[in-house]
Amino acid sequence: MTTDILQPSKLEIGRVISQTFGVIGRNFVAFFLLALVLSGLPTAVISYFQAGIIGDQAASGTFNPSFISASVLGLLAAVVTASILQGALVYGTVQDLNGVRPKVGECLATGLRAFLPLLIVSILFGLAIGFGMILLIVPGIMIACAWCVAVPALVADRTTITGAFGRAAELTRGNRWRIFGLFLVILAMLIGLGLVVGLVSAAVIVPMALAGASPEALAASAMMIPINAISNALTSLLGSAGVAVLYVELRRAREGVGADWLSKVFE
C-alpha cells in the first residue's frame, strides 16, 4: 500500500461527517453488534434494575439504599464497557480507513487489551470537562475541543496516559473552532435521533400509561428496554467512530498524511 502524502490544511467538517457515516455504513453489523453488547445492553440492564428498586420504594414508601449502590456500580460498569467499546471502534475504524475489513473479534480484543488506560483517560477527560463546566461552561467546552481525540491518540500513537492528552492538544491546535462546529452538527444529529426515539417511545408508553401502568412499569417494560438499548448503542457507535475519524482527519490536516500510516500501529 502506498503512503498517502497530502499538504497540511484545515480540518474539513464535511469530510469528517461523510467519512464517519461511510465507515459505519460499511461495517454497520459488526460495529452495531459491539455497540449493542458494550453500551446498549449494559445501560438497559442498569435501567431495568433501577426501575425495579424505584418501584419497591414507591410500594413501601421508604428509601432503599441499594438504589445508590446499584447506581454507582452501574455507572462504573457502563464506564468500563464504554472504554472497551471506544478502543474496539478506534481499531475498527482505522482498519476500515486502511481498506481492511475489521473483524468483531479483533476489534474486541484490542478494546480489552487497552481498556485500563482507556478507562483512566475517559475518567480524567470526563472530570476535566465537568470541572470546566462548573466554571461558567466555556472552559469545559474548550477542554472538550482540545482533548477530544485523547482516546484514539492513546490507542493509535501508543502514548502514555498523560501523553495522550498532550498529543490530542497538539493535533487539535488551530482547528478547535472547527471542532466546536463539528460538535454542534453532531449534537443536532443526536437531537434528531432523540426525537425519533421519543416518538417511538411515546407510541409504546402512551397506551400503557392510559391503561394505568406506573412510571416504574413503563421504564421496565419489555418494549422500552430494547428501545433504550438500541438508542444507546447507536449514540455510542456514532460518537466512538466519529472521534476515531476525527483523529485521522486531524493528522491528515495537520501533518499532511493519510490513514495508511496507521496500519503499522496494529502490526
C-alpha atoms as a PDB file:
ATOM      1  CA  MET A   1       0.000   0.000   0.000  1.00  0.00           C
ATOM      2  CA  THR A   2       1.433   3.386  -0.952  1.00  0.00           C
ATOM      3  CA  THR A   3       1.773   6.207   1.501  1.00  0.00           C
ATOM      4  CA  ASP A   4      -0.811   8.953   1.075  1.00  0.00           C
ATOM      5  CA  ILE A   5       1.050  12.255   1.395  1.00  0.00           C
ATOM      6  CA  LEU A   6      -1.075  15.381   1.458  1.00  0.00           C
ATOM      7  CA  GLN A   7      -0.419  19.034   2.079  1.00  0.00           C
ATOM      8  CA  PRO A   8      -1.332  20.229   5.599  1.00  0.00           C
ATOM      9  CA  SER A   9      -4.663  22.027   5.626  1.00  0.00           C
ATOM     10  CA  LYS A  10      -7.606  22.950   7.802  1.00  0.00           C
ATOM     11  CA  LEU A  11      -9.950  20.305   9.129  1.00  0.00           C
ATOM     12  CA  GLU A  12     -12.913  19.700   6.805  1.00  0.00           C
ATOM     13  CA  ILE A  13     -16.101  19.183   8.821  1.00  0.00           C
ATOM     14  CA  GLY A  14     -17.993  17.734   5.865  1.00  0.00           C
ATOM     15  CA  ARG A  15     -15.223  15.218   5.227  1.00  0.00           C
ATOM     16  CA  VAL A  16     -15.257  14.053   8.854  1.00  0.00           C
ATOM     17  CA  ILE A  17     -19.026  13.524   8.747  1.00  0.00           C
ATOM     18  CA  SER A  18     -19.012  11.735   5.391  1.00  0.00           C
ATOM     19  CA  GLN A  19     -16.095   9.522   6.431  1.00  0.00           C
ATOM     20  CA  THR A  20     -17.828   8.677   9.708  1.00  0.00           C
ATOM     21  CA  PHE A  21     -21.047   7.570   8.039  1.00  0.00           C
ATOM     22  CA  GLY A  22     -19.041   5.783   5.365  1.00  0.00           C
ATOM     23  CA  VAL A  23     -17.147   3.755   7.959  1.00  0.00           C
ATOM     24  CA  ILE A  24     -20.342   2.985   9.877  1.00  0.00           C
ATOM     25  CA  GLY A  25     -22.213   2.038   6.712  1.00  0.00           C
ATOM     26  CA  ARG A  26     -19.512  -0.362   5.549  1.00  0.00           C
ATOM     27  CA  ASN A  27     -19.282  -2.053   8.951  1.00  0.00           C
ATOM     28  CA  PHE A  28     -22.715  -1.482  10.432  1.00  0.00           C
ATOM     29  CA  VAL A  29     -23.433  -5.055  11.506  1.00  0.00           C
ATOM     30  CA  ALA A  30     -20.074  -5.563  13.262  1.00  0.00           C
ATOM     31  CA  PHE A  31     -19.957  -2.088  14.827  1.00  0.00           C
ATOM     32  CA  PHE A  32     -23.582  -2.135  15.924  1.00  0.00           C
ATOM     33  CA  LEU A  33     -23.138  -5.560  17.495  1.00  0.00           C
ATOM     34  CA  LEU A  34     -20.168  -4.252  19.501  1.00  0.00           C
ATOM     35  CA  ALA A  35     -22.050  -1.098  20.499  1.00  0.00           C
ATOM     36  CA  LEU A  36     -25.138  -3.079  21.472  1.00  0.00           C
ATOM     37  CA  VAL A  37     -23.204  -5.542  23.650  1.00  0.00           C
ATOM     38  CA  LEU A  38     -20.861  -2.986  25.234  1.00  0.00           C
ATOM     39  CA  SER A  39     -23.173   0.016  25.539  1.00  0.00           C
ATOM     40  CA  GLY A  40     -26.820  -0.630  24.771  1.00  0.00           C
ATOM     41  CA  LEU A  41     -27.407  -3.790  26.796  1.00  0.00           C
ATOM     42  CA  PRO A  42     -25.482  -2.711  29.941  1.00  0.00           C
ATOM     43  CA  THR A  43     -27.377   0.576  30.039  1.00  0.00           C
ATOM     44  CA  ALA A  44     -30.702  -1.181  29.533  1.00  0.00           C
ATOM     45  CA  VAL A  45     -29.992  -3.713  32.296  1.00  0.00           C
ATOM     46  CA  ILE A  46     -28.980  -0.951  34.697  1.00  0.00           C
ATOM     47  CA  SER A  47     -32.155   0.999  33.902  1.00  0.00           C
ATOM     48  CA  TYR A  48     -34.263  -2.118  34.426  1.00  0.00           C
ATOM     49  CA  PHE A  49     -32.881  -2.794  37.907  1.00  0.00           C
ATOM     50  CA  GLN A  50     -33.104   0.887  38.867  1.00  0.00           C
ATOM     51  CA  ALA A  51     -36.758   0.936  37.800  1.00  0.00           C
ATOM     52  CA  GLY A  52     -37.386  -2.141  39.951  1.00  0.00           C
ATOM     53  CA  ILE A  53     -35.789  -0.538  43.000  1.00  0.00           C
ATOM     54  CA  ILE A  54     -37.782   2.658  42.479  1.00  0.00           C
ATOM     55  CA  GLY A  55     -40.939   0.568  42.219  1.00  0.00           C
ATOM     56  CA  ASP A  56     -40.151  -1.163  45.521  1.00  0.00           C
ATOM     57  CA  GLN A  57     -39.540   2.217  47.144  1.00  0.00           C
ATOM     58  CA  ALA A  58     -42.861   3.536  45.880  1.00  0.00           C
ATOM     59  CA  ALA A  59     -44.672   0.459  47.169  1.00  0.00           C
ATOM     60  CA  SER A  60     -43.052   0.534  50.623  1.00  0.00           C
ATOM     61  CA  GLY A  61     -42.911   4.311  50.989  1.00  0.00           C
ATOM     62  CA  THR A  62     -39.304   4.115  52.227  1.00  0.00           C
ATOM     63  CA  PHE A  63     -35.962   4.907  50.626  1.00  0.00           C
ATOM     64  CA  ASN A  64     -33.943   1.875  49.580  1.00  0.00           C
ATOM     65  CA  PRO A  65     -30.160   2.467  49.997  1.00  0.00           C
ATOM     66  CA  SER A  66     -29.492  -0.195  47.397  1.00  0.00           C
ATOM     67  CA  PHE A  67     -30.567   2.323  44.749  1.00  0.00           C
ATOM     68  CA  ILE A  68     -27.388   4.336  45.387  1.00  0.00           C
ATOM     69  CA  SER A  69     -25.096   1.308  45.363  1.00  0.00           C
ATOM     70  CA  ALA A  70     -26.787  -0.073  42.246  1.00  0.00           C
ATOM     71  CA  SER A  71     -26.440   3.295  40.513  1.00  0.00           C
ATOM     72  CA  VAL A  72     -22.733   3.589  41.400  1.00  0.00           C
ATOM     73  CA  LEU A  73     -21.963   0.029  40.315  1.00  0.00           C
ATOM     74  CA  GLY A  74     -23.982   0.549  37.163  1.00  0.00           C
ATOM     75  CA  LEU A  75     -22.110   3.737  36.338  1.00  0.00           C
ATOM     76  CA  LEU A  76     -18.740   2.044  36.847  1.00  0.00           C
ATOM     77  CA  ALA A  77     -19.777  -0.890  34.671  1.00  0.00           C
ATOM     78  CA  ALA A  78     -21.001   1.474  31.958  1.00  0.00           C
ATOM     79  CA  VAL A  79     -17.727   3.424  32.002  1.00  0.00           C
ATOM     80  CA  VAL A  80     -15.684   0.223  31.746  1.00  0.00           C
ATOM     81  CA  THR A  81     -17.689  -1.189  28.837  1.00  0.00           C
ATOM     82  CA  ALA A  82     -17.708   2.204  27.104  1.00  0.00           C
ATOM     83  CA  SER A  83     -13.898   2.304  27.322  1.00  0.00           C
ATOM     84  CA  ILE A  84     -13.652  -1.158  25.765  1.00  0.00           C
ATOM     85  CA  LEU A  85     -16.063  -0.062  23.019  1.00  0.00           C
ATOM     86  CA  GLN A  86     -14.017   3.042  22.248  1.00  0.00           C
ATOM     87  CA  GLY A  87     -10.832   1.022  21.881  1.00  0.00           C
ATOM     88  CA  ALA A  88     -12.617  -1.553  19.730  1.00  0.00           C
ATOM     89  CA  LEU A  89     -14.164   1.016  17.388  1.00  0.00           C
ATOM     90  CA  VAL A  90     -10.954   3.054  17.108  1.00  0.00           C
ATOM     91  CA  TYR A  91      -9.248  -0.108  15.882  1.00  0.00           C
ATOM     92  CA  GLY A  92     -12.128  -0.993  13.572  1.00  0.00           C
ATOM     93  CA  THR A  93     -12.366   2.499  12.108  1.00  0.00           C
ATOM     94  CA  VAL A  94      -8.638   2.723  11.423  1.00  0.00           C
ATOM     95  CA  GLN A  95      -8.648  -0.701   9.805  1.00  0.00           C
ATOM     96  CA  ASP A  96     -11.535   0.321   7.562  1.00  0.00           C
ATOM     97  CA  LEU A  97      -9.816   3.529   6.502  1.00  0.00           C
ATOM     98  CA  ASN A  98      -6.821   1.385   5.562  1.00  0.00           C
ATOM     99  CA  GLY A  99      -9.031  -0.698   3.277  1.00  0.00           C
ATOM    100  CA  VAL A 100      -9.119  -3.690   5.639  1.00  0.00           C
ATOM    101  CA  ARG A 101     -12.462  -5.159   6.732  1.00  0.00           C
ATOM    102  CA  PRO A 102     -12.377  -5.130  10.562  1.00  0.00           C
ATOM    103  CA  LYS A 103     -13.438  -8.277  12.403  1.00  0.00           C
ATOM    104  CA  VAL A 104     -15.516  -8.234  15.573  1.00  0.00           C
ATOM    105  CA  GLY A 105     -13.089 -10.483  17.458  1.00  0.00           C
ATOM    106  CA  GLU A 106     -10.044  -8.387  16.588  1.00  0.00           C
ATOM    107  CA  CYS A 107     -11.829  -5.147  17.492  1.00  0.00           C
ATOM    108  CA  LEU A 108     -12.967  -6.562  20.815  1.00  0.00           C
ATOM    109  CA  ALA A 109      -9.504  -7.941  21.594  1.00  0.00           C
ATOM    110  CA  THR A 110      -7.954  -4.522  21.000  1.00  0.00           C
ATOM    111  CA  GLY A 111     -10.509  -2.860  23.263  1.00  0.00           C
ATOM    112  CA  LEU A 112      -9.921  -5.404  26.022  1.00  0.00           C
ATOM    113  CA  ARG A 113      -6.133  -5.076  25.832  1.00  0.00           C
ATOM    114  CA  ALA A 114      -6.252  -1.292  26.153  1.00  0.00           C
ATOM    115  CA  PHE A 115      -9.290  -0.895  28.402  1.00  0.00           C
ATOM    116  CA  LEU A 116      -7.466   0.053  31.630  1.00  0.00           C
ATOM    117  CA  PRO A 117      -5.551   3.066  30.248  1.00  0.00           C
ATOM    118  CA  LEU A 118      -8.615   3.935  28.155  1.00  0.00           C
ATOM    119  CA  LEU A 119     -10.717   3.839  31.303  1.00  0.00           C
ATOM    120  CA  ILE A 120      -8.339   6.194  33.105  1.00  0.00           C
ATOM    121  CA  VAL A 121      -8.217   8.589  30.143  1.00  0.00           C
ATOM    122  CA  SER A 122     -12.019   8.565  29.882  1.00  0.00           C
ATOM    123  CA  ILE A 123     -12.458   9.282  33.591  1.00  0.00           C
ATOM    124  CA  LEU A 124      -9.875  12.082  33.608  1.00  0.00           C
ATOM    125  CA  PHE A 125     -11.392  13.575  30.462  1.00  0.00           C
ATOM    126  CA  GLY A 126     -14.876  13.494  31.961  1.00  0.00           C
ATOM    127  CA  LEU A 127     -13.714  15.018  35.245  1.00  0.00           C
ATOM    128  CA  ALA A 128     -11.845  17.779  33.416  1.00  0.00           C
ATOM    129  CA  ILE A 129     -14.900  18.653  31.326  1.00  0.00           C
ATOM    130  CA  GLY A 130     -17.154  18.518  34.392  1.00  0.00           C
ATOM    131  CA  PHE A 131     -14.874  20.836  36.334  1.00  0.00           C
ATOM    132  CA  GLY A 132     -14.660  23.163  33.347  1.00  0.00           C
ATOM    133  CA  MET A 133     -18.448  23.246  33.021  1.00  0.00           C
ATOM    134  CA  ILE A 134     -18.701  24.358  36.642  1.00  0.00           C
ATOM    135  CA  LEU A 135     -16.531  27.339  35.688  1.00  0.00           C
ATOM    136  CA  LEU A 136     -19.229  29.012  33.574  1.00  0.00           C
ATOM    137  CA  ILE A 137     -19.386  26.277  30.871  1.00  0.00           C
ATOM    138  CA  VAL A 138     -16.909  27.860  28.418  1.00  0.00           C
ATOM    139  CA  PRO A 139     -13.777  26.246  29.925  1.00  0.00           C
ATOM    140  CA  GLY A 140     -15.484  22.857  29.732  1.00  0.00           C
ATOM    141  CA  ILE A 141     -16.191  23.353  26.030  1.00  0.00           C
ATOM    142  CA  MET A 142     -12.594  24.443  25.433  1.00  0.00           C
ATOM    143  CA  ILE A 143     -11.295  21.333  27.225  1.00  0.00           C
ATOM    144  CA  ALA A 144     -13.628  19.095  25.220  1.00  0.00           C
ATOM    145  CA  CYS A 145     -12.405  20.587  21.935  1.00  0.00           C
ATOM    146  CA  ALA A 146      -8.731  20.387  22.951  1.00  0.00           C
ATOM    147  CA  TRP A 147      -8.718  16.819  24.264  1.00  0.00           C
ATOM    148  CA  CYS A 148     -11.495  15.187  22.222  1.00  0.00           C
ATOM    149  CA  VAL A 149      -9.115  12.803  20.423  1.00  0.00           C
ATOM    150  CA  ALA A 150      -7.213  11.666  23.525  1.00  0.00           C
ATOM    151  CA  VAL A 151      -8.682   8.151  23.302  1.00  0.00           C
ATOM    152  CA  PRO A 152      -7.688   7.408  19.677  1.00  0.00           C
ATOM    153  CA  ALA A 153      -4.314   9.073  20.328  1.00  0.00           C
ATOM    154  CA  LEU A 154      -3.750   6.663  23.203  1.00  0.00           C
ATOM    155  CA  VAL A 155      -4.597   3.639  21.035  1.00  0.00           C
ATOM    156  CA  ALA A 156      -3.064   4.644  17.696  1.00  0.00           C
ATOM    157  CA  ASP A 157       0.015   6.536  18.916  1.00  0.00           C
ATOM    158  CA  ARG A 158       0.602   4.159  21.833  1.00  0.00           C
ATOM    159  CA  THR A 159       1.300   7.066  24.134  1.00  0.00           C
ATOM    160  CA  THR A 160       1.187   7.174  27.912  1.00  0.00           C
ATOM    161  CA  ILE A 161      -1.969   8.386  29.620  1.00  0.00           C
ATOM    162  CA  THR A 162      -0.604  11.911  30.050  1.00  0.00           C
ATOM    163  CA  GLY A 163       0.933  11.738  26.592  1.00  0.00           C
ATOM    164  CA  ALA A 164      -2.495  11.077  25.087  1.00  0.00           C
ATOM    165  CA  PHE A 165      -3.769  14.424  26.347  1.00  0.00           C
ATOM    166  CA  GLY A 166      -0.660  16.222  25.112  1.00  0.00           C
ATOM    167  CA  ARG A 167      -0.946  14.566  21.714  1.00  0.00           C
ATOM    168  CA  ALA A 168      -4.637  15.462  21.493  1.00  0.00           C
ATOM    169  CA  ALA A 169      -3.924  19.099  22.357  1.00  0.00           C
ATOM    170  CA  GLU A 170      -1.226  19.197  19.691  1.00  0.00           C
ATOM    171  CA  LEU A 171      -3.465  17.750  16.978  1.00  0.00           C
ATOM    172  CA  THR A 172      -6.473  19.955  17.737  1.00  0.00           C
ATOM    173  CA  ARG A 173      -4.475  23.193  17.927  1.00  0.00           C
ATOM    174  CA  GLY A 174      -5.589  25.551  15.164  1.00  0.00           C
ATOM    175  CA  ASN A 175      -8.776  23.605  14.459  1.00  0.00           C
ATOM    176  CA  ARG A 176     -10.694  23.904  17.718  1.00  0.00           C
ATOM    177  CA  TRP A 177     -13.338  26.279  16.389  1.00  0.00           C
ATOM    178  CA  ARG A 178     -13.958  23.845  13.547  1.00  0.00           C
ATOM    179  CA  ILE A 179     -14.153  21.001  16.049  1.00  0.00           C
ATOM    180  CA  PHE A 180     -16.678  23.013  18.042  1.00  0.00           C
ATOM    181  CA  GLY A 181     -18.709  23.444  14.860  1.00  0.00           C
ATOM    182  CA  LEU A 182     -18.480  19.697  14.266  1.00  0.00           C
ATOM    183  CA  PHE A 183     -19.758  19.094  17.794  1.00  0.00           C
ATOM    184  CA  LEU A 184     -22.776  21.287  17.059  1.00  0.00           C
ATOM    185  CA  VAL A 185     -23.543  19.313  13.910  1.00  0.00           C
ATOM    186  CA  ILE A 186     -23.275  16.010  15.796  1.00  0.00           C
ATOM    187  CA  LEU A 187     -25.422  17.437  18.600  1.00  0.00           C
ATOM    188  CA  ALA A 188     -28.110  18.292  16.058  1.00  0.00           C
ATOM    189  CA  MET A 189     -27.942  14.720  14.728  1.00  0.00           C
ATOM    190  CA  LEU A 190     -28.261  13.293  18.230  1.00  0.00           C
ATOM    191  CA  ILE A 191     -31.225  15.564  18.928  1.00  0.00           C
ATOM    192  CA  GLY A 192     -32.839  14.291  15.752  1.00  0.00           C
ATOM    193  CA  LEU A 193     -32.168  10.697  16.837  1.00  0.00           C
ATOM    194  CA  GLY A 194     -33.608  11.516  20.242  1.00  0.00           C
ATOM    195  CA  LEU A 195     -36.783  12.867  18.646  1.00  0.00           C
ATOM    196  CA  VAL A 196     -37.224   9.679  16.638  1.00  0.00           C
ATOM    197  CA  VAL A 197     -36.657   7.543  19.744  1.00  0.00           C
ATOM    198  CA  GLY A 198     -39.050   9.795  21.667  1.00  0.00           C
ATOM    199  CA  LEU A 199     -41.793   9.282  19.099  1.00  0.00           C
ATOM    200  CA  VAL A 200     -41.291   5.517  19.151  1.00  0.00           C
ATOM    201  CA  SER A 201     -41.244   5.527  22.955  1.00  0.00           C
ATOM    202  CA  ALA A 202     -44.422   7.607  23.068  1.00  0.00           C
ATOM    203  CA  ALA A 203     -46.167   5.088  20.837  1.00  0.00           C
ATOM    204  CA  VAL A 204     -45.288   2.421  23.408  1.00  0.00           C
ATOM    205  CA  ILE A 205     -45.747   4.385  26.623  1.00  0.00           C
ATOM    206  CA  VAL A 206     -48.969   6.296  25.969  1.00  0.00           C
ATOM    207  CA  PRO A 207     -51.231   3.225  25.619  1.00  0.00           C
ATOM    208  CA  MET A 208     -49.650   1.677  28.729  1.00  0.00           C
ATOM    209  CA  ALA A 209     -49.992   4.894  30.698  1.00  0.00           C
ATOM    210  CA  LEU A 210     -53.640   5.235  29.695  1.00  0.00           C
ATOM    211  CA  ALA A 211     -54.142   1.686  30.912  1.00  0.00           C
ATOM    212  CA  GLY A 212     -52.866   2.739  34.350  1.00  0.00           C
ATOM    213  CA  ALA A 213     -49.264   1.455  34.274  1.00  0.00           C
ATOM    214  CA  SER A 214     -46.890   3.070  36.788  1.00  0.00           C
ATOM    215  CA  PRO A 215     -43.759   5.008  35.656  1.00  0.00           C
ATOM    216  CA  GLU A 216     -41.626   2.148  37.014  1.00  0.00           C
ATOM    217  CA  ALA A 217     -43.542  -0.406  34.980  1.00  0.00           C
ATOM    218  CA  LEU A 218     -43.179   1.738  31.887  1.00  0.00           C
ATOM    219  CA  ALA A 219     -39.386   2.015  32.324  1.00  0.00           C
ATOM    220  CA  ALA A 220     -39.044  -1.743  32.836  1.00  0.00           C
ATOM    221  CA  SER A 221     -41.464  -2.772  30.111  1.00  0.00           C
ATOM    222  CA  ALA A 222     -40.480  -5.370  27.543  1.00  0.00           C
ATOM    223  CA  MET A 223     -40.705  -2.741  24.779  1.00  0.00           C
ATOM    224  CA  MET A 224     -38.826   0.129  26.417  1.00  0.00           C
ATOM    225  CA  ILE A 225     -35.755  -1.954  27.295  1.00  0.00           C
ATOM    226  CA  PRO A 226     -34.852  -2.805  23.673  1.00  0.00           C
ATOM    227  CA  ILE A 227     -35.720   0.727  22.528  1.00  0.00           C
ATOM    228  CA  ASN A 228     -33.320   2.202  25.086  1.00  0.00           C
ATOM    229  CA  ALA A 229     -30.660  -0.397  24.269  1.00  0.00           C
ATOM    230  CA  ILE A 230     -30.787   0.348  20.531  1.00  0.00           C
ATOM    231  CA  SER A 231     -30.821   4.115  21.118  1.00  0.00           C
ATOM    232  CA  ASN A 232     -27.769   4.000  23.398  1.00  0.00           C
ATOM    233  CA  ALA A 233     -25.956   1.648  21.021  1.00  0.00           C
ATOM    234  CA  LEU A 234     -26.495   3.973  18.042  1.00  0.00           C
ATOM    235  CA  THR A 235     -25.391   7.018  20.040  1.00  0.00           C
ATOM    236  CA  SER A 236     -22.231   5.284  21.262  1.00  0.00           C
ATOM    237  CA  LEU A 237     -21.496   3.968  17.769  1.00  0.00           C
ATOM    238  CA  LEU A 238     -21.747   7.415  16.211  1.00  0.00           C
ATOM    239  CA  GLY A 239     -19.623   9.033  18.916  1.00  0.00           C
ATOM    240  CA  SER A 240     -16.839   6.437  19.007  1.00  0.00           C
ATOM    241  CA  ALA A 241     -16.498   6.075  15.237  1.00  0.00           C
ATOM    242  CA  GLY A 242     -16.733   9.837  14.786  1.00  0.00           C
ATOM    243  CA  VAL A 243     -13.907  10.540  17.234  1.00  0.00           C
ATOM    244  CA  ALA A 244     -11.696   7.964  15.517  1.00  0.00           C
ATOM    245  CA  VAL A 245     -12.337   9.520  12.099  1.00  0.00           C
ATOM    246  CA  LEU A 246     -11.722  12.987  13.570  1.00  0.00           C
ATOM    247  CA  TYR A 247      -8.337  11.822  14.849  1.00  0.00           C
ATOM    248  CA  VAL A 248      -7.322  10.516  11.420  1.00  0.00           C
ATOM    249  CA  GLU A 249      -8.532  13.684   9.685  1.00  0.00           C
ATOM    250  CA  LEU A 250      -6.675  15.898  12.172  1.00  0.00           C
ATOM    251  CA  ARG A 251      -3.489  14.035  11.361  1.00  0.00           C
ATOM    252  CA  ARG A 252      -4.260  14.462   7.684  1.00  0.00           C
ATOM    253  CA  ALA A 253      -4.920  18.178   8.094  1.00  0.00           C
ATOM    254  CA  ARG A 254      -2.087  19.000  10.480  1.00  0.00           C
ATOM    255  CA  GLU A 255       0.657  16.612   9.424  1.00  0.00           C
ATOM    256  CA  GLY A 256      -0.225  16.003   5.794  1.00  0.00           C
ATOM    257  CA  VAL A 257      -0.576  12.222   5.980  1.00  0.00           C
ATOM    258  CA  GLY A 258      -3.355   9.831   5.111  1.00  0.00           C
ATOM    259  CA  ALA A 259      -4.760   6.886   7.002  1.00  0.00           C
ATOM    260  CA  ASP A 260      -2.451   4.179   5.644  1.00  0.00           C
ATOM    261  CA  TRP A 261       0.384   5.040   8.047  1.00  0.00           C
ATOM    262  CA  LEU A 262      -1.870   3.793  10.845  1.00  0.00           C
ATOM    263  CA  SER A 263      -1.621   0.225   9.595  1.00  0.00           C
ATOM    264  CA  LYS A 264       1.794  -0.018  11.252  1.00  0.00           C
ATOM    265  CA  VAL A 265       0.192   0.603  14.641  1.00  0.00           C
ATOM    266  CA  PHE A 266      -1.611  -2.753  14.617  1.00  0.00           C
ATOM    267  CA  GLU A 267       1.056  -4.915  13.005  1.00  0.00           C
END
